Amino acid sequence: MIAAERKLSSVLAAVALLTCLLGNRVLAAPPNDADDVRNAVAGFATSWNRHDMDAFGRLFAPDAEFVSVAGVVWTGR
Protein backbone atom coordinates (compact mmCIF):
# COMPACT_ATOMS: atom_id res chain seq x y z
CA MET A 1 0.00 0.00 0.00
CA ILE A 2 2.81 2.43 0.83
CA ALA A 3 4.52 1.81 -2.53
CA ALA A 4 1.26 2.54 -4.34
CA GLU A 5 0.82 5.76 -2.35
CA ARG A 6 4.37 6.86 -3.22
CA LYS A 7 3.79 6.12 -6.89
CA LEU A 8 0.49 8.05 -6.85
CA SER A 9 2.15 10.91 -5.00
CA SER A 10 4.95 11.04 -7.58
CA VAL A 11 2.48 11.01 -10.45
CA LEU A 12 0.41 13.78 -8.88
CA ALA A 13 3.54 15.88 -8.26
CA ALA A 14 4.62 15.43 -11.89
CA VAL A 15 1.15 16.39 -13.14
CA ALA A 16 1.11 19.47 -10.90
CA LEU A 17 4.56 20.53 -12.13
CA LEU A 18 3.65 20.05 -15.79
CA THR A 19 0.38 21.92 -15.27
CA CYS A 20 2.24 24.89 -13.79
CA LEU A 21 4.87 24.90 -16.53
CA LEU A 22 2.41 24.55 -19.38
CA GLY A 23 -0.05 26.96 -17.79
CA ASN A 24 2.60 29.68 -17.59
CA ARG A 25 3.65 29.03 -21.17
CA VAL A 26 0.11 29.18 -22.54
CA LEU A 27 -1.04 32.16 -20.48
CA ALA A 28 2.00 34.31 -21.20
CA ALA A 29 1.22 36.73 -24.02
CA PRO A 30 3.63 36.48 -26.95
CA PRO A 31 5.79 39.54 -27.47
CA ASN A 32 4.38 42.00 -29.95
CA ASP A 33 7.25 43.91 -31.53
CA ALA A 34 4.95 46.05 -33.66
CA ASP A 35 3.14 47.37 -30.58
CA ASP A 36 6.47 48.01 -28.84
CA VAL A 37 7.68 50.06 -31.82
CA ARG A 38 4.41 52.01 -32.00
CA ASN A 39 4.60 52.77 -28.27
CA ALA A 40 8.21 53.94 -28.54
CA VAL A 41 7.42 56.22 -31.48
CA ALA A 42 4.35 57.62 -29.71
CA GLY A 43 6.39 58.19 -26.54
CA PHE A 44 9.10 59.91 -28.57
CA ALA A 45 6.65 62.34 -30.18
CA THR A 46 4.65 62.97 -27.01
CA SER A 47 7.63 63.61 -24.73
CA TRP A 48 9.40 65.77 -27.34
CA ASN A 49 6.33 67.92 -28.02
CA ARG A 50 5.69 68.37 -24.29
CA HIS A 51 9.34 69.33 -23.77
CA ASP A 52 9.54 66.55 -21.16
CA MET A 53 13.17 65.56 -21.52
CA ASP A 54 13.04 63.24 -18.51
CA ALA A 55 10.36 61.13 -20.23
CA PHE A 56 12.24 61.46 -23.53
CA GLY A 57 15.43 60.16 -21.92
CA ARG A 58 13.67 57.13 -20.45
CA LEU A 59 12.96 55.95 -24.01
CA PHE A 60 16.68 55.32 -24.50
CA ALA A 61 19.16 52.83 -23.08
CA PRO A 62 21.71 54.28 -20.65
CA ASP A 63 24.46 54.02 -23.29
CA ALA A 64 22.37 55.29 -26.22
CA GLU A 65 23.66 57.59 -28.94
CA PHE A 66 21.24 60.03 -30.57
CA VAL A 67 21.95 62.33 -33.49
CA SER A 68 19.60 65.31 -33.73
CA VAL A 69 18.32 66.82 -36.96
CA ALA A 70 21.05 69.46 -36.64
CA GLY A 71 23.73 66.76 -36.42
CA VAL A 72 24.39 67.14 -32.70
CA VAL A 73 25.38 63.84 -31.08
CA TRP A 74 23.97 63.10 -27.63
CA THR A 75 25.30 60.17 -25.64
CA GLY A 76 23.46 58.44 -22.79
CA ARG A 77 20.13 59.44 -21.42
C-alpha atoms as a PDB file:
ATOM      1  CA  MET A   1       0.000   0.000   0.000  1.00  0.00           C
ATOM      2  CA  ILE A   2       2.812   2.432   0.834  1.00  0.00           C
ATOM      3  CA  ALA A   3       4.520   1.807  -2.525  1.00  0.00           C
ATOM      4  CA  ALA A   4       1.261   2.540  -4.338  1.00  0.00           C
ATOM      5  CA  GLU A   5       0.816   5.762  -2.350  1.00  0.00           C
ATOM      6  CA  ARG A   6       4.368   6.862  -3.219  1.00  0.00           C
ATOM      7  CA  LYS A   7       3.788   6.125  -6.891  1.00  0.00           C
ATOM      8  CA  LEU A   8       0.495   8.045  -6.850  1.00  0.00           C
ATOM      9  CA  SER A   9       2.153  10.909  -4.996  1.00  0.00           C
ATOM     10  CA  SER A  10       4.954  11.036  -7.581  1.00  0.00           C
ATOM     11  CA  VAL A  11       2.483  11.011 -10.455  1.00  0.00           C
ATOM     12  CA  LEU A  12       0.406  13.783  -8.879  1.00  0.00           C
ATOM     13  CA  ALA A  13       3.536  15.882  -8.261  1.00  0.00           C
ATOM     14  CA  ALA A  14       4.617  15.427 -11.885  1.00  0.00           C
ATOM     15  CA  VAL A  15       1.153  16.386 -13.143  1.00  0.00           C
ATOM     16  CA  ALA A  16       1.109  19.471 -10.904  1.00  0.00           C
ATOM     17  CA  LEU A  17       4.555  20.529 -12.127  1.00  0.00           C
ATOM     18  CA  LEU A  18       3.651  20.054 -15.792  1.00  0.00           C
ATOM     19  CA  THR A  19       0.377  21.924 -15.272  1.00  0.00           C
ATOM     20  CA  CYS A  20       2.244  24.891 -13.792  1.00  0.00           C
ATOM     21  CA  LEU A  21       4.872  24.905 -16.525  1.00  0.00           C
ATOM     22  CA  LEU A  22       2.409  24.549 -19.380  1.00  0.00           C
ATOM     23  CA  GLY A  23      -0.049  26.964 -17.795  1.00  0.00           C
ATOM     24  CA  ASN A  24       2.596  29.682 -17.586  1.00  0.00           C
ATOM     25  CA  ARG A  25       3.650  29.025 -21.166  1.00  0.00           C
ATOM     26  CA  VAL A  26       0.106  29.180 -22.541  1.00  0.00           C
ATOM     27  CA  LEU A  27      -1.045  32.161 -20.479  1.00  0.00           C
ATOM     28  CA  ALA A  28       1.997  34.314 -21.204  1.00  0.00           C
ATOM     29  CA  ALA A  29       1.223  36.730 -24.022  1.00  0.00           C
ATOM     30  CA  PRO A  30       3.625  36.483 -26.950  1.00  0.00           C
ATOM     31  CA  PRO A  31       5.788  39.541 -27.468  1.00  0.00           C
ATOM     32  CA  ASN A  32       4.381  42.003 -29.954  1.00  0.00           C
ATOM     33  CA  ASP A  33       7.246  43.908 -31.532  1.00  0.00           C
ATOM     34  CA  ALA A  34       4.948  46.055 -33.659  1.00  0.00           C
ATOM     35  CA  ASP A  35       3.138  47.373 -30.576  1.00  0.00           C
ATOM     36  CA  ASP A  36       6.470  48.014 -28.841  1.00  0.00           C
ATOM     37  CA  VAL A  37       7.680  50.060 -31.817  1.00  0.00           C
ATOM     38  CA  ARG A  38       4.411  52.013 -32.005  1.00  0.00           C
ATOM     39  CA  ASN A  39       4.605  52.770 -28.267  1.00  0.00           C
ATOM     40  CA  ALA A  40       8.212  53.938 -28.536  1.00  0.00           C
ATOM     41  CA  VAL A  41       7.420  56.223 -31.483  1.00  0.00           C
ATOM     42  CA  ALA A  42       4.350  57.620 -29.709  1.00  0.00           C
ATOM     43  CA  GLY A  43       6.393  58.191 -26.545  1.00  0.00           C
ATOM     44  CA  PHE A  44       9.098  59.911 -28.571  1.00  0.00           C
ATOM     45  CA  ALA A  45       6.649  62.342 -30.179  1.00  0.00           C
ATOM     46  CA  THR A  46       4.654  62.974 -27.010  1.00  0.00           C
ATOM     47  CA  SER A  47       7.629  63.610 -24.733  1.00  0.00           C
ATOM     48  CA  TRP A  48       9.397  65.773 -27.338  1.00  0.00           C
ATOM     49  CA  ASN A  49       6.334  67.919 -28.016  1.00  0.00           C
ATOM     50  CA  ARG A  50       5.689  68.372 -24.290  1.00  0.00           C
ATOM     51  CA  HIS A  51       9.336  69.327 -23.766  1.00  0.00           C
ATOM     52  CA  ASP A  52       9.536  66.545 -21.159  1.00  0.00           C
ATOM     53  CA  MET A  53      13.169  65.565 -21.520  1.00  0.00           C
ATOM     54  CA  ASP A  54      13.037  63.237 -18.509  1.00  0.00           C
ATOM     55  CA  ALA A  55      10.363  61.128 -20.234  1.00  0.00           C
ATOM     56  CA  PHE A  56      12.245  61.463 -23.530  1.00  0.00           C
ATOM     57  CA  GLY A  57      15.429  60.163 -21.919  1.00  0.00           C
ATOM     58  CA  ARG A  58      13.666  57.129 -20.450  1.00  0.00           C
ATOM     59  CA  LEU A  59      12.956  55.955 -24.010  1.00  0.00           C
ATOM     60  CA  PHE A  60      16.683  55.319 -24.496  1.00  0.00           C
ATOM     61  CA  ALA A  61      19.164  52.833 -23.080  1.00  0.00           C
ATOM     62  CA  PRO A  62      21.714  54.275 -20.647  1.00  0.00           C
ATOM     63  CA  ASP A  63      24.457  54.020 -23.290  1.00  0.00           C
ATOM     64  CA  ALA A  64      22.366  55.288 -26.224  1.00  0.00           C
ATOM     65  CA  GLU A  65      23.663  57.592 -28.936  1.00  0.00           C
ATOM     66  CA  PHE A  66      21.244  60.026 -30.566  1.00  0.00           C
ATOM     67  CA  VAL A  67      21.946  62.334 -33.494  1.00  0.00           C
ATOM     68  CA  SER A  68      19.599  65.305 -33.726  1.00  0.00           C
ATOM     69  CA  VAL A  69      18.323  66.817 -36.965  1.00  0.00           C
ATOM     70  CA  ALA A  70      21.046  69.455 -36.641  1.00  0.00           C
ATOM     71  CA  GLY A  71      23.729  66.764 -36.417  1.00  0.00           C
ATOM     72  CA  VAL A  72      24.393  67.136 -32.696  1.00  0.00           C
ATOM     73  CA  VAL A  73      25.382  63.840 -31.083  1.00  0.00           C
ATOM     74  CA  TRP A  74      23.975  63.103 -27.631  1.00  0.00           C
ATOM     75  CA  THR A  75      25.300  60.169 -25.636  1.00  0.00           C
ATOM     76  CA  GLY A  76      23.456  58.445 -22.788  1.00  0.00           C
ATOM     77  CA  ARG A  77      20.127  59.437 -21.419  1.00  0.00           C
END
